[in-house]
Amino acid sequence: QVQLVESGGGLVQPGGSLRLACTVSGGINKSDVVTWYRQPPGTQRELVASIFGSDQTNHPDSEKGRFAISMDDSKNTVFLQMNNLKPEDTAVYYCNLRQRRGKWDPRVDDYWGQGTQVTVSS
């Protein structure tokens, strides 16, 4: 059973930094995609950053330079480093694992963590 556990959220002042962690039980395969999403209050969930194959990353243009996603293979953990945080970054941050069922099976399964709250406020 795959489980994702997020950690590292909290209250931070504008301009501060946080590093979120997503630990995946059972490991992260090379073909898996791990994505951080966030859901601000009263809005839909939005993509923050994703990583594939340990070092192939994708960040929306709006977050480039402030957020960075990385992976520690040995710890089965994906990190989201967030710098120069702004009040509009306040949200619940979720980790998602999209995993192929097999090398020759194109179907995927999605797994989610429980979320971690990030609040940016003075």
N, C-alpha and C. Protein backbone atom coordinates (compact mmCIF):
# COMPACT_ATOMS: atom_id res chain seq x y z
N GLN A 1 0.84 -1.18 0.00
CA GLN A 1 0.00 0.00 0.00
C GLN A 1 0.89 1.24 0.00
N VAL A 2 0.72 2.07 -1.01
CA VAL A 2 1.52 3.28 -1.12
C VAL A 2 0.92 4.35 -0.22
N GLN A 3 1.78 4.97 0.55
CA GLN A 3 1.34 6.08 1.40
C GLN A 3 2.30 7.25 1.23
N LEU A 4 1.73 8.45 1.22
CA LEU A 4 2.52 9.66 1.12
C LEU A 4 2.30 10.47 2.40
N VAL A 5 3.38 10.94 2.96
CA VAL A 5 3.30 11.74 4.18
C VAL A 5 4.04 13.05 3.94
N GLU A 6 3.29 14.16 4.03
CA GLU A 6 3.89 15.48 3.88
C GLU A 6 4.26 16.05 5.24
N SER A 7 5.27 16.88 5.24
CA SER A 7 5.67 17.56 6.46
C SER A 7 6.37 18.86 6.09
N GLY A 8 6.57 19.71 7.10
CA GLY A 8 7.34 20.93 6.88
C GLY A 8 6.52 22.20 6.78
N GLY A 9 5.21 22.08 6.79
CA GLY A 9 4.39 23.28 6.72
C GLY A 9 4.42 24.05 8.03
N GLY A 10 3.81 25.23 7.99
CA GLY A 10 3.75 26.04 9.20
C GLY A 10 3.47 27.48 8.89
N LEU A 11 3.68 28.33 9.89
CA LEU A 11 3.47 29.77 9.76
C LEU A 11 4.81 30.44 9.52
N VAL A 12 4.86 31.28 8.50
CA VAL A 12 6.10 31.98 8.18
C VAL A 12 5.77 33.40 7.77
N GLN A 13 6.68 34.32 8.03
CA GLN A 13 6.48 35.71 7.65
C GLN A 13 6.76 35.90 6.16
N PRO A 14 6.16 36.91 5.57
CA PRO A 14 6.48 37.21 4.16
C PRO A 14 7.98 37.40 3.97
N GLY A 15 8.48 36.82 2.89
CA GLY A 15 9.91 36.84 2.62
C GLY A 15 10.66 35.67 3.19
N GLY A 16 10.01 34.89 4.03
CA GLY A 16 10.65 33.74 4.64
C GLY A 16 10.68 32.52 3.74
N SER A 17 11.21 31.42 4.28
CA SER A 17 11.37 30.19 3.52
C SER A 17 10.83 29.00 4.31
N LEU A 18 10.40 28.01 3.56
CA LEU A 18 10.01 26.73 4.12
C LEU A 18 10.47 25.64 3.18
N ARG A 19 10.74 24.46 3.75
CA ARG A 19 11.01 23.29 2.92
C ARG A 19 10.03 22.20 3.29
N LEU A 20 9.20 21.86 2.33
CA LEU A 20 8.24 20.78 2.52
C LEU A 20 8.87 19.46 2.09
N ALA A 21 8.44 18.40 2.75
CA ALA A 21 8.93 17.07 2.40
C ALA A 21 7.75 16.14 2.18
N CYS A 22 7.91 15.25 1.22
CA CYS A 22 6.90 14.23 0.91
C CYS A 22 7.63 12.89 0.89
N THR A 23 7.35 12.06 1.85
CA THR A 23 7.98 10.75 1.94
C THR A 23 7.02 9.69 1.44
N VAL A 24 7.50 8.86 0.52
CA VAL A 24 6.67 7.85 -0.13
C VAL A 24 7.06 6.48 0.38
N SER A 25 6.11 5.81 1.02
CA SER A 25 6.38 4.44 1.46
C SER A 25 6.39 3.53 0.24
N GLY A 26 7.27 2.59 0.21
CA GLY A 26 7.35 1.68 -0.92
C GLY A 26 8.27 2.15 -2.02
N GLY A 27 8.78 3.36 -1.92
CA GLY A 27 9.77 3.84 -2.87
C GLY A 27 9.18 4.59 -4.05
N ILE A 28 10.04 5.27 -4.78
CA ILE A 28 9.67 6.04 -5.96
C ILE A 28 10.40 5.43 -7.15
N ASN A 29 9.65 4.94 -8.12
CA ASN A 29 10.24 4.35 -9.31
C ASN A 29 10.69 5.43 -10.29
N LYS A 30 11.60 5.06 -11.19
CA LYS A 30 12.12 6.03 -12.17
C LYS A 30 11.02 6.56 -13.07
N SER A 31 9.99 5.77 -13.29
CA SER A 31 8.90 6.19 -14.18
C SER A 31 7.80 6.96 -13.46
N ASP A 32 7.93 7.10 -12.16
CA ASP A 32 6.89 7.82 -11.39
C ASP A 32 7.06 9.32 -11.55
N VAL A 33 5.94 10.01 -11.40
CA VAL A 33 5.95 11.46 -11.37
C VAL A 33 5.42 11.89 -10.01
N VAL A 34 6.18 12.73 -9.35
CA VAL A 34 5.73 13.28 -8.06
C VAL A 34 5.47 14.77 -8.25
N THR A 35 4.33 15.19 -7.82
CA THR A 35 3.91 16.57 -8.03
C THR A 35 3.44 17.19 -6.73
N TRP A 36 3.84 18.41 -6.51
CA TRP A 36 3.28 19.22 -5.42
C TRP A 36 2.16 20.08 -6.00
N TYR A 37 1.03 20.02 -5.32
CA TYR A 37 -0.11 20.88 -5.63
C TYR A 37 -0.39 21.74 -4.39
N ARG A 38 -1.15 22.78 -4.59
CA ARG A 38 -1.61 23.56 -3.45
C ARG A 38 -3.05 23.99 -3.69
N GLN A 39 -3.73 24.21 -2.59
CA GLN A 39 -5.12 24.64 -2.67
C GLN A 39 -5.32 25.80 -1.71
N PRO A 40 -5.29 27.02 -2.25
CA PRO A 40 -5.58 28.19 -1.40
C PRO A 40 -7.03 28.15 -0.93
N PRO A 41 -7.34 28.88 0.12
CA PRO A 41 -8.72 28.88 0.63
C PRO A 41 -9.73 29.30 -0.44
N GLY A 42 -10.76 28.51 -0.60
CA GLY A 42 -11.84 28.85 -1.51
C GLY A 42 -11.52 28.74 -2.98
N THR A 43 -10.41 28.09 -3.32
CA THR A 43 -10.06 27.96 -4.74
C THR A 43 -9.76 26.51 -5.08
N GLN A 44 -9.52 26.28 -6.36
CA GLN A 44 -9.23 24.92 -6.80
C GLN A 44 -7.76 24.58 -6.57
N ARG A 45 -7.48 23.30 -6.55
CA ARG A 45 -6.11 22.83 -6.41
C ARG A 45 -5.32 23.20 -7.67
N GLU A 46 -4.08 23.65 -7.48
CA GLU A 46 -3.26 24.05 -8.61
C GLU A 46 -1.87 23.42 -8.50
N LEU A 47 -1.27 23.19 -9.66
CA LEU A 47 0.04 22.56 -9.70
C LEU A 47 1.11 23.55 -9.28
N VAL A 48 2.04 23.07 -8.47
CA VAL A 48 3.16 23.92 -8.03
C VAL A 48 4.45 23.50 -8.74
N ALA A 49 4.78 22.23 -8.69
CA ALA A 49 6.00 21.74 -9.33
C ALA A 49 5.94 20.22 -9.39
N SER A 50 6.63 19.65 -10.36
CA SER A 50 6.67 18.20 -10.48
C SER A 50 8.08 17.74 -10.81
N ILE A 51 8.34 16.46 -10.52
CA ILE A 51 9.64 15.88 -10.78
C ILE A 51 9.45 14.47 -11.29
N PHE A 52 10.31 14.11 -12.25
CA PHE A 52 10.22 12.81 -12.92
C PHE A 52 11.63 12.27 -13.11
N GLY A 53 11.81 10.99 -12.83
CA GLY A 53 13.11 10.38 -13.06
C GLY A 53 14.21 10.97 -12.23
N SER A 54 13.89 11.45 -11.06
CA SER A 54 14.82 11.99 -10.07
C SER A 54 15.29 13.40 -10.34
N ASP A 55 15.42 13.79 -11.63
CA ASP A 55 15.98 15.12 -11.87
C ASP A 55 15.30 15.91 -12.98
N GLN A 56 14.27 15.39 -13.59
CA GLN A 56 13.52 16.15 -14.60
C GLN A 56 12.40 16.89 -13.88
N THR A 57 12.47 18.21 -13.92
CA THR A 57 11.53 18.99 -13.13
C THR A 57 10.69 19.91 -14.01
N ASN A 58 9.57 20.31 -13.48
CA ASN A 58 8.69 21.24 -14.16
C ASN A 58 8.13 22.22 -13.13
N HIS A 59 8.35 23.49 -13.40
CA HIS A 59 7.80 24.53 -12.54
C HIS A 59 7.04 25.52 -13.40
N PRO A 60 5.83 25.88 -13.00
CA PRO A 60 5.16 26.97 -13.72
C PRO A 60 6.00 28.23 -13.70
N ASP A 61 5.88 29.00 -14.76
CA ASP A 61 6.71 30.21 -14.88
C ASP A 61 6.58 31.13 -13.68
N SER A 62 5.38 31.18 -13.11
CA SER A 62 5.14 32.11 -12.01
C SER A 62 5.93 31.77 -10.76
N GLU A 63 6.36 30.52 -10.65
CA GLU A 63 7.05 30.08 -9.44
C GLU A 63 8.55 29.90 -9.64
N LYS A 64 8.98 29.97 -10.89
CA LYS A 64 10.40 29.78 -11.14
C LYS A 64 11.20 30.85 -10.41
N GLY A 65 12.27 30.42 -9.79
CA GLY A 65 13.11 31.35 -9.05
C GLY A 65 12.75 31.41 -7.59
N ARG A 66 11.54 31.04 -7.22
CA ARG A 66 11.15 31.04 -5.81
C ARG A 66 11.01 29.62 -5.26
N PHE A 67 10.45 28.72 -6.06
CA PHE A 67 10.22 27.36 -5.61
C PHE A 67 11.13 26.40 -6.38
N ALA A 68 11.59 25.37 -5.70
CA ALA A 68 12.42 24.36 -6.34
C ALA A 68 12.06 22.99 -5.80
N ILE A 69 11.85 22.05 -6.71
CA ILE A 69 11.51 20.69 -6.32
C ILE A 69 12.76 19.82 -6.52
N SER A 70 12.95 18.88 -5.60
CA SER A 70 14.09 17.99 -5.69
C SER A 70 13.73 16.66 -5.06
N MET A 71 14.59 15.66 -5.31
CA MET A 71 14.31 14.32 -4.80
C MET A 71 15.54 13.74 -4.15
N ASP A 72 15.34 13.08 -3.03
CA ASP A 72 16.39 12.29 -2.40
C ASP A 72 16.00 10.83 -2.57
N ASP A 73 16.63 10.17 -3.56
CA ASP A 73 16.26 8.79 -3.88
C ASP A 73 16.44 7.86 -2.68
N SER A 74 17.50 8.08 -1.95
CA SER A 74 17.80 7.16 -0.86
C SER A 74 16.77 7.22 0.26
N LYS A 75 16.08 8.36 0.36
CA LYS A 75 15.10 8.52 1.43
C LYS A 75 13.68 8.46 0.91
N ASN A 76 13.52 8.18 -0.42
CA ASN A 76 12.18 8.14 -1.02
C ASN A 76 11.39 9.40 -0.68
N THR A 77 12.08 10.52 -0.76
CA THR A 77 11.47 11.77 -0.34
C THR A 77 11.64 12.83 -1.42
N VAL A 78 10.58 13.58 -1.64
CA VAL A 78 10.61 14.71 -2.55
C VAL A 78 10.43 15.98 -1.73
N PHE A 79 11.27 16.96 -2.03
CA PHE A 79 11.24 18.21 -1.29
C PHE A 79 10.71 19.35 -2.17
N LEU A 80 10.11 20.31 -1.51
CA LEU A 80 9.74 21.56 -2.17
C LEU A 80 10.32 22.70 -1.35
N GLN A 81 11.37 23.30 -1.89
CA GLN A 81 11.99 24.45 -1.24
C GLN A 81 11.26 25.70 -1.70
N MET A 82 10.75 26.45 -0.75
CA MET A 82 9.99 27.66 -1.08
C MET A 82 10.67 28.86 -0.43
N ASN A 83 11.08 29.79 -1.27
CA ASN A 83 11.77 30.99 -0.81
C ASN A 83 10.96 32.24 -1.12
N ASN A 84 11.29 33.31 -0.42
CA ASN A 84 10.61 34.59 -0.64
C ASN A 84 9.09 34.42 -0.66
N LEU A 85 8.59 33.77 0.36
CA LEU A 85 7.17 33.46 0.40
C LEU A 85 6.32 34.71 0.52
N LYS A 86 5.15 34.64 -0.10
CA LYS A 86 4.21 35.76 -0.14
C LYS A 86 2.89 35.32 0.49
N PRO A 87 2.10 36.27 0.96
CA PRO A 87 0.80 35.89 1.55
C PRO A 87 -0.06 35.06 0.60
N GLU A 88 0.05 35.30 -0.70
CA GLU A 88 -0.75 34.54 -1.66
C GLU A 88 -0.27 33.10 -1.83
N ASP A 89 0.84 32.74 -1.20
CA ASP A 89 1.29 31.35 -1.20
C ASP A 89 0.59 30.54 -0.11
N THR A 90 -0.19 31.22 0.73
CA THR A 90 -0.93 30.52 1.77
C THR A 90 -1.88 29.50 1.16
N ALA A 91 -1.77 28.26 1.61
CA ALA A 91 -2.56 27.17 1.03
C ALA A 91 -2.26 25.88 1.78
N VAL A 92 -3.07 24.88 1.51
CA VAL A 92 -2.72 23.52 1.90
C VAL A 92 -1.94 22.92 0.73
N TYR A 93 -0.78 22.40 1.02
CA TYR A 93 0.09 21.83 -0.01
C TYR A 93 -0.02 20.31 0.04
N TYR A 94 -0.28 19.74 -1.13
CA TYR A 94 -0.46 18.29 -1.25
C TYR A 94 0.61 17.69 -2.14
N CYS A 95 0.98 16.49 -1.81
CA CYS A 95 1.91 15.72 -2.62
C CYS A 95 1.13 14.63 -3.37
N ASN A 96 1.45 14.47 -4.63
CA ASN A 96 0.80 13.45 -5.46
C ASN A 96 1.85 12.56 -6.11
N LEU A 97 1.59 11.28 -6.10
CA LEU A 97 2.43 10.31 -6.81
C LEU A 97 1.59 9.69 -7.92
N ARG A 98 2.06 9.82 -9.14
CA ARG A 98 1.42 9.16 -10.28
C ARG A 98 2.33 8.01 -10.70
N GLN A 99 1.81 6.81 -10.60
CA GLN A 99 2.63 5.61 -10.77
C GLN A 99 2.04 4.71 -11.84
N ARG A 100 2.90 4.32 -12.77
CA ARG A 100 2.45 3.38 -13.80
C ARG A 100 2.29 2.00 -13.17
N ARG A 101 1.33 1.29 -13.70
CA ARG A 101 1.06 -0.04 -13.15
C ARG A 101 2.10 -1.05 -13.57
N GLY A 102 2.76 -0.81 -14.71
CA GLY A 102 3.77 -1.74 -15.17
C GLY A 102 4.47 -1.19 -16.39
N LYS A 103 5.60 -1.78 -16.75
CA LYS A 103 6.39 -1.29 -17.87
C LYS A 103 5.58 -1.26 -19.15
N TRP A 104 4.74 -2.24 -19.37
CA TRP A 104 3.96 -2.33 -20.59
C TRP A 104 2.50 -2.00 -20.37
N ASP A 105 2.17 -1.48 -19.22
CA ASP A 105 0.80 -1.13 -18.89
C ASP A 105 0.71 0.38 -18.77
N PRO A 106 0.04 1.07 -19.68
CA PRO A 106 -0.01 2.54 -19.66
C PRO A 106 -0.90 3.12 -18.57
N ARG A 107 -1.66 2.29 -17.90
CA ARG A 107 -2.54 2.82 -16.87
C ARG A 107 -1.72 3.31 -15.68
N VAL A 108 -2.28 4.33 -15.02
CA VAL A 108 -1.58 4.90 -13.86
C VAL A 108 -2.51 4.92 -12.66
N ASP A 109 -1.90 4.98 -11.51
CA ASP A 109 -2.62 5.17 -10.25
C ASP A 109 -2.14 6.46 -9.61
N ASP A 110 -3.05 7.17 -9.01
CA ASP A 110 -2.72 8.41 -8.30
C ASP A 110 -2.86 8.20 -6.81
N TYR A 111 -1.85 8.65 -6.10
CA TYR A 111 -1.86 8.58 -4.64
C TYR A 111 -1.64 10.00 -4.10
N TRP A 112 -2.33 10.30 -3.00
CA TRP A 112 -2.25 11.63 -2.40
C TRP A 112 -1.87 11.56 -0.93
N GLY A 113 -1.16 12.57 -0.50
CA GLY A 113 -0.92 12.74 0.92
C GLY A 113 -2.07 13.49 1.56
N GLN A 114 -1.95 13.69 2.85
CA GLN A 114 -3.03 14.32 3.60
C GLN A 114 -2.97 15.84 3.54
N GLY A 115 -1.86 16.37 3.08
CA GLY A 115 -1.71 17.82 2.97
C GLY A 115 -1.02 18.43 4.18
N THR A 116 -0.35 19.54 3.93
CA THR A 116 0.29 20.27 5.01
C THR A 116 0.00 21.77 4.82
N GLN A 117 -0.38 22.43 5.88
CA GLN A 117 -0.79 23.83 5.80
C GLN A 117 0.42 24.75 5.80
N VAL A 118 0.42 25.67 4.85
CA VAL A 118 1.43 26.73 4.81
C VAL A 118 0.70 28.06 4.94
N THR A 119 1.06 28.85 5.92
CA THR A 119 0.45 30.14 6.13
C THR A 119 1.54 31.20 6.13
N VAL A 120 1.39 32.17 5.24
CA VAL A 120 2.37 33.25 5.13
C VAL A 120 1.68 34.53 5.62
N SER A 121 2.13 35.02 6.75
CA SER A 121 1.48 36.17 7.36
C SER A 121 2.42 36.84 8.34
N SER A 122 2.27 38.14 8.43
CA SER A 122 3.07 38.89 9.40
C SER A 122 2.30 39.04 10.71
